[in-house]
Amino acid sequence: MMTAKERGEYAAKFYTEGRRNCAQAVLMAFADELGEDERVLLTAGAPFGGGIGRLGEVCGTVSGLMLVLSFVRRVDTSDPRAKAALYAEERELAEEFRSRAGSIVCRELLAARANRAEGVRGMSCPELVALAAEIAEERIFAPLRSDNDR
């Protein structure tokens, strides 16, 4: 079992060496946990690089984090309560990312690297990939493991 830091390093390495986008790198960091074929994970994450097709919107690392959550929770969104619980958890994860990176918006995160976005940390894309994977490990997988230990 990997620590959050190790999972983040693995995701960053996949991003830098694997020629995949940031969402795919976050997903692939958990391929061993998600029970899905790697091609499914790569396909699911494909549109989310660069803030969705390089539009600079929600960072692909955040999209990858949400995809990991979706594969883990497998929520039936036709159930209003289950859907509301999923959305609440998504907001918590997004806020955790925002609190640690300064934003969840790709263009703001990229601008921060060029010192043009106040309040944003200026992390590199591999660092953001690692952060998203660390958050997934800490907030999604670690609680599952502790529940299984009971």
N, C-alpha and C. Protein backbone atom coordinates (compact mmCIF):
# COMPACT_ATOMS: atom_id res chain seq x y z
N MET A 1 0.84 -1.18 0.00
CA MET A 1 0.00 0.00 0.00
C MET A 1 0.89 1.24 0.00
N MET A 2 0.56 2.19 -0.87
CA MET A 2 1.34 3.43 -0.98
C MET A 2 0.83 4.49 -0.01
N THR A 3 1.74 5.31 0.46
CA THR A 3 1.35 6.49 1.23
C THR A 3 0.79 7.54 0.27
N ALA A 4 0.19 8.57 0.81
CA ALA A 4 -0.33 9.65 -0.02
C ALA A 4 0.81 10.30 -0.81
N LYS A 5 1.93 10.50 -0.16
CA LYS A 5 3.09 11.11 -0.84
C LYS A 5 3.58 10.22 -1.98
N GLU A 6 3.69 8.92 -1.72
CA GLU A 6 4.13 7.99 -2.76
C GLU A 6 3.14 7.94 -3.92
N ARG A 7 1.85 7.98 -3.61
CA ARG A 7 0.82 7.96 -4.65
C ARG A 7 0.93 9.22 -5.50
N GLY A 8 1.18 10.35 -4.85
CA GLY A 8 1.37 11.59 -5.58
C GLY A 8 2.59 11.55 -6.48
N GLU A 9 3.68 11.02 -5.97
CA GLU A 9 4.90 10.90 -6.77
C GLU A 9 4.68 9.99 -7.97
N TYR A 10 3.94 8.91 -7.76
CA TYR A 10 3.64 7.98 -8.85
C TYR A 10 2.81 8.68 -9.92
N ALA A 11 1.81 9.44 -9.52
CA ALA A 11 0.97 10.17 -10.47
C ALA A 11 1.80 11.18 -11.26
N ALA A 12 2.65 11.92 -10.56
CA ALA A 12 3.49 12.91 -11.23
C ALA A 12 4.44 12.26 -12.23
N LYS A 13 4.98 11.12 -11.85
CA LYS A 13 5.87 10.38 -12.76
C LYS A 13 5.10 9.90 -13.98
N PHE A 14 3.89 9.41 -13.77
CA PHE A 14 3.06 8.98 -14.91
C PHE A 14 2.80 10.15 -15.84
N TYR A 15 2.55 11.32 -15.27
CA TYR A 15 2.29 12.52 -16.07
C TYR A 15 3.52 12.90 -16.88
N THR A 16 4.68 12.95 -16.24
CA THR A 16 5.88 13.43 -16.92
C THR A 16 6.47 12.41 -17.89
N GLU A 17 6.33 11.14 -17.57
CA GLU A 17 6.94 10.11 -18.41
C GLU A 17 5.96 9.41 -19.32
N GLY A 18 4.69 9.50 -19.04
CA GLY A 18 3.70 8.74 -19.77
C GLY A 18 3.02 9.43 -20.92
N ARG A 19 3.34 10.70 -21.12
CA ARG A 19 2.71 11.46 -22.19
C ARG A 19 1.19 11.41 -22.13
N ARG A 20 0.69 11.51 -20.93
CA ARG A 20 -0.76 11.54 -20.70
C ARG A 20 -1.11 12.87 -20.06
N ASN A 21 -2.38 13.22 -20.12
CA ASN A 21 -2.77 14.49 -19.51
C ASN A 21 -2.89 14.35 -18.00
N CYS A 22 -3.15 15.46 -17.34
CA CYS A 22 -3.17 15.49 -15.88
C CYS A 22 -4.30 14.64 -15.30
N ALA A 23 -5.48 14.67 -15.89
CA ALA A 23 -6.59 13.85 -15.38
C ALA A 23 -6.26 12.37 -15.52
N GLN A 24 -5.70 11.99 -16.64
CA GLN A 24 -5.32 10.60 -16.85
C GLN A 24 -4.26 10.16 -15.84
N ALA A 25 -3.32 11.03 -15.54
CA ALA A 25 -2.27 10.68 -14.59
C ALA A 25 -2.84 10.43 -13.20
N VAL A 26 -3.79 11.26 -12.79
CA VAL A 26 -4.42 11.06 -11.49
C VAL A 26 -5.17 9.73 -11.49
N LEU A 27 -5.94 9.47 -12.51
CA LEU A 27 -6.67 8.20 -12.60
C LEU A 27 -5.72 7.01 -12.59
N MET A 28 -4.68 7.07 -13.38
CA MET A 28 -3.77 5.94 -13.50
C MET A 28 -2.99 5.68 -12.21
N ALA A 29 -2.86 6.69 -11.38
CA ALA A 29 -2.20 6.48 -10.09
C ALA A 29 -3.00 5.54 -9.20
N PHE A 30 -4.29 5.37 -9.53
CA PHE A 30 -5.17 4.50 -8.75
C PHE A 30 -5.70 3.32 -9.54
N ALA A 31 -5.07 3.01 -10.66
CA ALA A 31 -5.53 1.90 -11.49
C ALA A 31 -5.59 0.60 -10.69
N ASP A 32 -4.65 0.43 -9.76
CA ASP A 32 -4.62 -0.78 -8.94
C ASP A 32 -5.79 -0.85 -7.96
N GLU A 33 -6.38 0.28 -7.65
CA GLU A 33 -7.46 0.35 -6.67
C GLU A 33 -8.85 0.37 -7.30
N LEU A 34 -8.95 0.81 -8.54
CA LEU A 34 -10.26 1.10 -9.12
C LEU A 34 -10.94 -0.10 -9.78
N GLY A 35 -10.19 -1.14 -10.09
CA GLY A 35 -10.81 -2.33 -10.68
C GLY A 35 -11.32 -2.13 -12.09
N GLU A 36 -10.72 -1.22 -12.80
CA GLU A 36 -11.11 -0.97 -14.19
C GLU A 36 -9.91 -1.22 -15.10
N ASP A 37 -10.21 -1.59 -16.31
CA ASP A 37 -9.18 -1.73 -17.33
C ASP A 37 -8.50 -0.37 -17.53
N GLU A 38 -7.21 -0.37 -17.70
CA GLU A 38 -6.47 0.88 -17.87
C GLU A 38 -6.97 1.69 -19.05
N ARG A 39 -7.41 1.02 -20.11
CA ARG A 39 -7.92 1.74 -21.28
C ARG A 39 -9.19 2.51 -20.93
N VAL A 40 -10.02 1.95 -20.06
CA VAL A 40 -11.22 2.65 -19.62
C VAL A 40 -10.84 3.91 -18.86
N LEU A 41 -9.87 3.79 -17.98
CA LEU A 41 -9.43 4.95 -17.21
C LEU A 41 -8.81 6.02 -18.11
N LEU A 42 -7.97 5.60 -19.03
CA LEU A 42 -7.35 6.56 -19.94
C LEU A 42 -8.40 7.24 -20.82
N THR A 43 -9.37 6.49 -21.27
CA THR A 43 -10.44 7.05 -22.10
C THR A 43 -11.29 8.03 -21.29
N ALA A 44 -11.62 7.67 -20.06
CA ALA A 44 -12.44 8.55 -19.21
C ALA A 44 -11.74 9.87 -18.96
N GLY A 45 -10.43 9.85 -18.77
CA GLY A 45 -9.69 11.06 -18.47
C GLY A 45 -9.25 11.87 -19.67
N ALA A 46 -9.36 11.31 -20.86
CA ALA A 46 -8.81 11.95 -22.05
C ALA A 46 -9.29 13.38 -22.31
N PRO A 47 -10.56 13.73 -22.12
CA PRO A 47 -11.00 15.08 -22.47
C PRO A 47 -10.60 16.17 -21.49
N PHE A 48 -10.03 15.83 -20.35
CA PHE A 48 -9.91 16.79 -19.26
C PHE A 48 -8.56 17.48 -19.14
N GLY A 49 -7.65 17.27 -20.06
CA GLY A 49 -6.36 17.94 -19.99
C GLY A 49 -6.48 19.42 -20.28
N GLY A 50 -5.68 20.20 -19.57
CA GLY A 50 -5.65 21.65 -19.82
C GLY A 50 -6.94 22.34 -19.46
N GLY A 51 -7.64 21.82 -18.50
CA GLY A 51 -8.90 22.45 -18.09
C GLY A 51 -10.02 22.18 -19.07
N ILE A 52 -10.13 20.97 -19.52
CA ILE A 52 -11.08 20.46 -20.51
C ILE A 52 -10.70 20.95 -21.90
N GLY A 53 -10.02 20.09 -22.62
CA GLY A 53 -9.64 20.40 -23.99
C GLY A 53 -8.82 21.67 -24.14
N ARG A 54 -7.99 21.94 -23.14
CA ARG A 54 -7.13 23.14 -23.10
C ARG A 54 -7.92 24.45 -23.12
N LEU A 55 -9.11 24.43 -22.56
CA LEU A 55 -9.91 25.65 -22.44
C LEU A 55 -9.54 26.46 -21.20
N GLY A 56 -8.76 25.86 -20.30
CA GLY A 56 -8.32 26.56 -19.12
C GLY A 56 -9.34 26.64 -18.01
N GLU A 57 -10.38 25.85 -18.08
CA GLU A 57 -11.42 25.86 -17.05
C GLU A 57 -10.97 25.02 -15.85
N VAL A 58 -11.83 24.19 -15.28
CA VAL A 58 -11.46 23.39 -14.10
C VAL A 58 -10.23 22.55 -14.44
N CYS A 59 -9.22 22.65 -13.59
CA CYS A 59 -7.96 21.94 -13.79
C CYS A 59 -8.21 20.45 -14.00
N GLY A 60 -7.51 19.87 -14.94
CA GLY A 60 -7.66 18.44 -15.21
C GLY A 60 -7.32 17.57 -14.01
N THR A 61 -6.43 18.06 -13.15
CA THR A 61 -6.13 17.26 -11.95
C THR A 61 -7.35 17.15 -11.05
N VAL A 62 -8.13 18.23 -10.98
CA VAL A 62 -9.37 18.21 -10.19
C VAL A 62 -10.39 17.31 -10.86
N SER A 63 -10.48 17.37 -12.18
CA SER A 63 -11.38 16.47 -12.91
C SER A 63 -10.97 15.02 -12.68
N GLY A 64 -9.68 14.75 -12.70
CA GLY A 64 -9.19 13.40 -12.43
C GLY A 64 -9.55 12.95 -11.03
N LEU A 65 -9.42 13.86 -10.07
CA LEU A 65 -9.80 13.57 -8.68
C LEU A 65 -11.27 13.21 -8.59
N MET A 66 -12.13 13.94 -9.31
CA MET A 66 -13.56 13.66 -9.30
C MET A 66 -13.87 12.33 -9.99
N LEU A 67 -13.13 12.03 -11.03
CA LEU A 67 -13.32 10.74 -11.71
C LEU A 67 -12.93 9.58 -10.80
N VAL A 68 -11.85 9.73 -10.05
CA VAL A 68 -11.47 8.70 -9.08
C VAL A 68 -12.61 8.50 -8.09
N LEU A 69 -13.13 9.59 -7.56
CA LEU A 69 -14.25 9.50 -6.62
C LEU A 69 -15.43 8.77 -7.24
N SER A 70 -15.75 9.10 -8.47
CA SER A 70 -16.88 8.46 -9.15
C SER A 70 -16.68 6.97 -9.33
N PHE A 71 -15.48 6.56 -9.72
CA PHE A 71 -15.21 5.13 -9.87
C PHE A 71 -15.26 4.40 -8.53
N VAL A 72 -14.89 5.06 -7.46
CA VAL A 72 -14.92 4.44 -6.14
C VAL A 72 -16.35 4.37 -5.60
N ARG A 73 -17.06 5.48 -5.67
CA ARG A 73 -18.39 5.54 -5.06
C ARG A 73 -19.46 4.84 -5.90
N ARG A 74 -19.35 4.92 -7.23
CA ARG A 74 -20.32 4.29 -8.13
C ARG A 74 -21.77 4.60 -7.72
N VAL A 75 -22.04 5.88 -7.58
CA VAL A 75 -23.33 6.36 -7.08
C VAL A 75 -24.39 6.28 -8.17
N ASP A 76 -25.56 5.81 -7.78
CA ASP A 76 -26.74 5.84 -8.64
C ASP A 76 -27.32 7.25 -8.54
N THR A 77 -27.05 8.09 -9.53
CA THR A 77 -27.47 9.49 -9.44
C THR A 77 -28.96 9.68 -9.70
N SER A 78 -29.69 8.60 -9.97
CA SER A 78 -31.14 8.74 -10.03
C SER A 78 -31.75 8.80 -8.63
N ASP A 79 -30.95 8.45 -7.63
CA ASP A 79 -31.37 8.57 -6.23
C ASP A 79 -30.96 9.97 -5.75
N PRO A 80 -31.92 10.86 -5.48
CA PRO A 80 -31.58 12.24 -5.11
C PRO A 80 -30.69 12.36 -3.89
N ARG A 81 -30.88 11.52 -2.91
CA ARG A 81 -30.03 11.60 -1.71
C ARG A 81 -28.60 11.18 -2.01
N ALA A 82 -28.45 10.12 -2.76
CA ALA A 82 -27.11 9.65 -3.13
C ALA A 82 -26.40 10.69 -3.99
N LYS A 83 -27.15 11.28 -4.90
CA LYS A 83 -26.58 12.31 -5.76
C LYS A 83 -26.14 13.51 -4.94
N ALA A 84 -26.97 13.95 -4.01
CA ALA A 84 -26.63 15.09 -3.16
C ALA A 84 -25.39 14.79 -2.31
N ALA A 85 -25.28 13.56 -1.81
CA ALA A 85 -24.12 13.18 -1.00
C ALA A 85 -22.85 13.18 -1.86
N LEU A 86 -22.95 12.69 -3.08
CA LEU A 86 -21.81 12.70 -3.99
C LEU A 86 -21.38 14.14 -4.28
N TYR A 87 -22.33 15.01 -4.60
CA TYR A 87 -22.00 16.40 -4.90
C TYR A 87 -21.36 17.08 -3.69
N ALA A 88 -21.84 16.78 -2.51
CA ALA A 88 -21.25 17.37 -1.30
C ALA A 88 -19.80 16.90 -1.14
N GLU A 89 -19.56 15.64 -1.39
CA GLU A 89 -18.19 15.12 -1.29
C GLU A 89 -17.30 15.74 -2.37
N GLU A 90 -17.84 15.93 -3.55
CA GLU A 90 -17.08 16.57 -4.63
C GLU A 90 -16.68 18.00 -4.23
N ARG A 91 -17.63 18.73 -3.65
CA ARG A 91 -17.32 20.10 -3.21
C ARG A 91 -16.23 20.10 -2.14
N GLU A 92 -16.28 19.14 -1.21
CA GLU A 92 -15.25 19.06 -0.18
C GLU A 92 -13.88 18.80 -0.79
N LEU A 93 -13.82 17.89 -1.74
CA LEU A 93 -12.54 17.59 -2.40
C LEU A 93 -12.03 18.81 -3.17
N ALA A 94 -12.93 19.48 -3.89
CA ALA A 94 -12.53 20.67 -4.64
C ALA A 94 -12.01 21.75 -3.70
N GLU A 95 -12.67 21.93 -2.58
CA GLU A 95 -12.23 22.94 -1.62
C GLU A 95 -10.89 22.57 -0.98
N GLU A 96 -10.68 21.29 -0.74
CA GLU A 96 -9.38 20.85 -0.22
C GLU A 96 -8.28 21.18 -1.23
N PHE A 97 -8.53 20.89 -2.51
CA PHE A 97 -7.56 21.20 -3.55
C PHE A 97 -7.33 22.71 -3.61
N ARG A 98 -8.41 23.48 -3.61
CA ARG A 98 -8.31 24.94 -3.68
C ARG A 98 -7.51 25.49 -2.49
N SER A 99 -7.75 24.94 -1.31
CA SER A 99 -7.04 25.45 -0.13
C SER A 99 -5.55 25.16 -0.20
N ARG A 100 -5.18 24.10 -0.88
CA ARG A 100 -3.75 23.74 -0.95
C ARG A 100 -3.05 24.28 -2.19
N ALA A 101 -3.81 24.54 -3.26
CA ALA A 101 -3.20 25.04 -4.50
C ALA A 101 -3.52 26.51 -4.76
N GLY A 102 -4.60 26.99 -4.19
CA GLY A 102 -5.00 28.38 -4.39
C GLY A 102 -6.12 28.58 -5.38
N SER A 103 -6.41 27.57 -6.17
CA SER A 103 -7.46 27.65 -7.18
C SER A 103 -7.77 26.23 -7.67
N ILE A 104 -8.88 26.10 -8.36
CA ILE A 104 -9.16 24.85 -9.09
C ILE A 104 -9.25 25.13 -10.59
N VAL A 105 -8.97 26.35 -10.99
CA VAL A 105 -9.10 26.77 -12.39
C VAL A 105 -7.73 26.70 -13.07
N CYS A 106 -7.67 25.96 -14.14
CA CYS A 106 -6.41 25.72 -14.85
C CYS A 106 -5.70 27.02 -15.22
N ARG A 107 -6.40 27.94 -15.85
CA ARG A 107 -5.72 29.17 -16.31
C ARG A 107 -5.16 29.97 -15.15
N GLU A 108 -5.85 29.95 -14.00
CA GLU A 108 -5.33 30.65 -12.82
C GLU A 108 -4.09 29.95 -12.27
N LEU A 109 -4.13 28.64 -12.27
CA LEU A 109 -2.98 27.87 -11.78
C LEU A 109 -1.77 28.08 -12.70
N LEU A 110 -2.00 28.09 -14.00
CA LEU A 110 -0.91 28.33 -14.95
C LEU A 110 -0.39 29.77 -14.84
N ALA A 111 -1.30 30.73 -14.67
CA ALA A 111 -0.88 32.12 -14.53
C ALA A 111 -0.05 32.32 -13.26
N ALA A 112 -0.38 31.59 -12.22
CA ALA A 112 0.37 31.71 -10.97
C ALA A 112 1.82 31.33 -11.16
N ARG A 113 2.06 30.36 -12.03
CA ARG A 113 3.45 29.98 -12.30
C ARG A 113 4.22 31.13 -12.93
N ALA A 114 3.50 31.98 -13.65
CA ALA A 114 4.14 33.14 -14.27
C ALA A 114 3.99 34.38 -13.38
N ASN A 115 3.62 34.16 -12.10
CA ASN A 115 3.46 35.24 -11.12
C ASN A 115 2.41 36.26 -11.49
N ARG A 116 1.34 35.78 -12.12
CA ARG A 116 0.28 36.71 -12.51
C ARG A 116 -1.03 36.46 -11.79
N ALA A 117 -1.07 35.56 -10.84
CA ALA A 117 -2.32 35.27 -10.12
C ALA A 117 -2.08 35.36 -8.63
N GLU A 118 -2.66 36.35 -8.03
CA GLU A 118 -2.49 36.58 -6.60
C GLU A 118 -3.22 35.50 -5.79
N GLY A 119 -2.57 34.99 -4.76
CA GLY A 119 -3.20 34.02 -3.89
C GLY A 119 -3.13 32.58 -4.37
N VAL A 120 -2.57 32.36 -5.52
CA VAL A 120 -2.43 31.01 -6.07
C VAL A 120 -0.97 30.60 -5.90
N ARG A 121 -0.72 29.35 -5.58
CA ARG A 121 0.59 28.89 -5.13
C ARG A 121 1.69 28.85 -6.20
N GLY A 122 1.36 28.75 -7.47
CA GLY A 122 2.38 28.70 -8.50
C GLY A 122 3.02 27.34 -8.65
N MET A 123 2.24 26.29 -8.46
CA MET A 123 2.76 24.92 -8.56
C MET A 123 2.83 24.49 -10.03
N SER A 124 3.77 23.61 -10.33
CA SER A 124 3.89 23.07 -11.68
C SER A 124 2.79 22.04 -11.91
N CYS A 125 2.55 21.69 -13.16
CA CYS A 125 1.55 20.67 -13.46
C CYS A 125 1.86 19.33 -12.77
N PRO A 126 3.10 18.84 -12.79
CA PRO A 126 3.38 17.61 -12.05
C PRO A 126 3.10 17.73 -10.55
N GLU A 127 3.37 18.91 -9.98
CA GLU A 127 3.06 19.11 -8.56
C GLU A 127 1.55 19.10 -8.31
N LEU A 128 0.78 19.65 -9.24
CA LEU A 128 -0.68 19.65 -9.10
C LEU A 128 -1.24 18.24 -9.26
N VAL A 129 -0.68 17.47 -10.18
CA VAL A 129 -1.07 16.07 -10.35
C VAL A 129 -0.81 15.32 -9.05
N ALA A 130 0.37 15.53 -8.49
CA ALA A 130 0.71 14.86 -7.23
C ALA A 130 -0.24 15.28 -6.12
N LEU A 131 -0.57 16.56 -6.05
CA LEU A 131 -1.49 17.04 -5.02
C LEU A 131 -2.85 16.37 -5.14
N ALA A 132 -3.39 16.29 -6.34
CA ALA A 132 -4.70 15.65 -6.53
C ALA A 132 -4.67 14.19 -6.10
N ALA A 133 -3.60 13.50 -6.45
CA ALA A 133 -3.47 12.08 -6.06
C ALA A 133 -3.33 11.95 -4.55
N GLU A 134 -2.59 12.86 -3.93
CA GLU A 134 -2.45 12.83 -2.47
C GLU A 134 -3.80 13.04 -1.79
N ILE A 135 -4.57 13.99 -2.30
CA ILE A 135 -5.89 14.25 -1.74
C ILE A 135 -6.79 13.03 -1.90
N ALA A 136 -6.74 12.40 -3.06
CA ALA A 136 -7.55 11.19 -3.27
C ALA A 136 -7.16 10.10 -2.28
N GLU A 137 -5.87 9.93 -2.08
CA GLU A 137 -5.41 8.90 -1.14
C GLU A 137 -5.86 9.24 0.28
N GLU A 138 -5.69 10.49 0.68
CA GLU A 138 -6.03 10.91 2.04
C GLU A 138 -7.53 10.91 2.31
N ARG A 139 -8.30 11.42 1.35
CA ARG A 139 -9.72 11.67 1.61
C ARG A 139 -10.66 10.58 1.11
N ILE A 140 -10.22 9.79 0.14
CA ILE A 140 -11.09 8.73 -0.41
C ILE A 140 -10.64 7.36 0.06
N PHE A 141 -9.37 7.04 -0.17
CA PHE A 141 -8.90 5.68 0.08
C PHE A 141 -8.53 5.39 1.53
N ALA A 142 -7.85 6.31 2.20
CA ALA A 142 -7.45 6.06 3.60
C ALA A 142 -8.67 5.79 4.49
N PRO A 143 -9.75 6.56 4.37
CA PRO A 143 -10.93 6.24 5.19
C PRO A 143 -11.53 4.86 4.86
N LEU A 144 -11.49 4.47 3.60
CA LEU A 144 -11.99 3.14 3.23
C LEU A 144 -11.16 2.05 3.89
N ARG A 145 -9.85 2.25 3.89
CA ARG A 145 -8.97 1.26 4.50
C ARG A 145 -9.19 1.16 6.00
N SER A 146 -9.37 2.32 6.65
CA SER A 146 -9.59 2.28 8.10
C SER A 146 -10.94 1.66 8.43
N ASP A 147 -11.94 1.84 7.57
CA ASP A 147 -13.24 1.19 7.77
C ASP A 147 -13.09 -0.33 7.63
N ASN A 148 -12.26 -0.77 6.72
CA ASN A 148 -12.03 -2.22 6.51
C ASN A 148 -11.24 -2.84 7.65
N ASP A 149 -10.47 -2.02 8.37
CA ASP A 149 -9.67 -2.53 9.49
C ASP A 149 -10.50 -2.75 10.74
N ARG A 150 -11.69 -2.23 10.74
CA ARG A 150 -12.54 -2.35 11.94
C ARG A 150 -13.18 -3.70 12.04
